[in-house]
Amino acid sequence: MPDMSASASLAMTQFVTLAKEVDEDKVTPGVLGFIVFAVMALAVWGLMKSMNRHMNRVDFAEPADPKADASAEDAEAAGPAKPRQG
């Protein structure tokens, strides 16, 4: 069985030279960052579409409040409010 330490050290020297070529002041997200961002964008789009569909199903018509109707009738029966003098 061949000695793996020689190939491991060769691989490490190649990685070290690649690391030296990378600009340390420049950070990029790479392909993985793009994939994560694209998946999150698709998830938000799907959630917004679903929310829109659910909001369109909601009936916002409220039943008439009998207490509010009674107080409005009492106010009409009492007549218009008299202006203050003074």
Protein backbone atom coordinates (compact mmCIF):
# COMPACT_ATOMS: atom_id res chain seq x y z
CA MET A 1 0.00 0.00 0.00
CA PRO A 2 1.51 3.36 -0.97
CA ASP A 3 2.40 5.97 1.61
CA MET A 4 -0.39 8.56 1.73
CA SER A 5 1.63 11.19 3.57
CA ALA A 6 3.45 12.19 0.35
CA SER A 7 0.21 12.75 -1.56
CA ALA A 8 -1.35 14.53 1.42
CA SER A 9 1.61 16.89 1.71
CA LEU A 10 1.49 17.52 -2.06
CA ALA A 11 -2.20 18.37 -1.82
CA MET A 12 -1.55 20.69 1.13
CA THR A 13 1.17 22.56 -0.75
CA GLN A 14 -1.19 23.06 -3.70
CA PHE A 15 -3.93 24.37 -1.39
CA VAL A 16 -1.49 26.72 0.32
CA THR A 17 -0.41 28.21 -3.02
CA LEU A 18 -4.07 28.69 -3.97
CA ALA A 19 -4.70 30.39 -0.65
CA LYS A 20 -1.84 32.81 -1.28
CA GLU A 21 -3.35 33.82 -4.63
CA VAL A 22 -6.68 34.79 -3.01
CA ASP A 23 -6.97 38.47 -2.12
CA GLU A 24 -7.48 38.60 1.64
CA ASP A 25 -9.33 41.93 1.43
CA LYS A 26 -11.96 40.57 -0.95
CA VAL A 27 -14.63 38.23 0.37
CA THR A 28 -17.19 36.67 -1.97
CA PRO A 29 -20.09 34.38 -1.09
CA GLY A 30 -19.45 32.07 -4.03
CA VAL A 31 -21.83 29.56 -5.53
CA LEU A 32 -23.08 28.29 -2.18
CA GLY A 33 -24.10 31.80 -1.14
CA PHE A 34 -25.97 32.28 -4.41
CA ILE A 35 -27.78 28.96 -4.02
CA VAL A 36 -28.82 29.78 -0.44
CA PHE A 37 -30.02 33.25 -1.51
CA ALA A 38 -31.97 31.82 -4.46
CA VAL A 39 -33.67 29.20 -2.26
CA MET A 40 -34.62 31.87 0.28
CA ALA A 41 -35.98 34.12 -2.49
CA LEU A 42 -38.11 31.27 -3.85
CA ALA A 43 -39.38 30.49 -0.34
CA VAL A 44 -40.40 34.13 0.24
CA TRP A 45 -42.11 34.25 -3.16
CA GLY A 46 -44.06 31.07 -2.35
CA LEU A 47 -45.04 32.35 1.08
CA MET A 48 -46.24 35.68 -0.35
CA LYS A 49 -48.29 33.88 -3.00
CA SER A 50 -49.84 31.63 -0.36
CA MET A 51 -50.58 34.58 1.94
CA ASN A 52 -52.23 36.44 -0.94
CA ARG A 53 -54.43 33.44 -1.68
CA HIS A 54 -55.44 33.08 1.98
CA MET A 55 -56.14 36.80 2.39
CA ASN A 56 -58.43 36.75 -0.64
CA ARG A 57 -60.52 34.02 1.04
CA VAL A 58 -61.14 36.09 4.17
CA ASP A 59 -64.57 37.76 4.42
CA PHE A 60 -64.20 41.17 6.05
CA ALA A 61 -67.93 41.99 6.20
CA GLU A 62 -68.86 42.55 9.84
CA PRO A 63 -72.38 41.95 11.15
CA ALA A 64 -74.27 45.01 12.32
CA ASP A 65 -73.82 45.79 16.00
CA PRO A 66 -77.27 46.10 17.68
CA LYS A 67 -75.85 48.25 20.52
CA ALA A 68 -74.44 50.78 18.07
CA ASP A 69 -77.78 50.98 16.24
CA ALA A 70 -79.65 51.55 19.52
CA SER A 71 -77.33 54.36 20.59
CA ALA A 72 -77.64 56.03 17.17
CA GLU A 73 -81.46 55.91 17.42
CA ASP A 74 -81.35 57.40 20.93
CA ALA A 75 -79.16 60.24 19.70
CA GLU A 76 -81.57 60.97 16.81
CA ALA A 77 -84.59 60.89 19.16
CA ALA A 78 -82.95 63.37 21.53
CA GLY A 79 -82.61 65.85 18.68
CA PRO A 80 -79.66 67.84 17.52
CA ALA A 81 -77.18 68.91 20.12
CA LYS A 82 -77.67 72.46 21.33
CA PRO A 83 -74.67 74.75 20.95
CA ARG A 84 -73.18 76.07 24.17
CA GLN A 85 -73.55 79.66 25.07
CA GLY A 86 -71.12 81.28 27.24
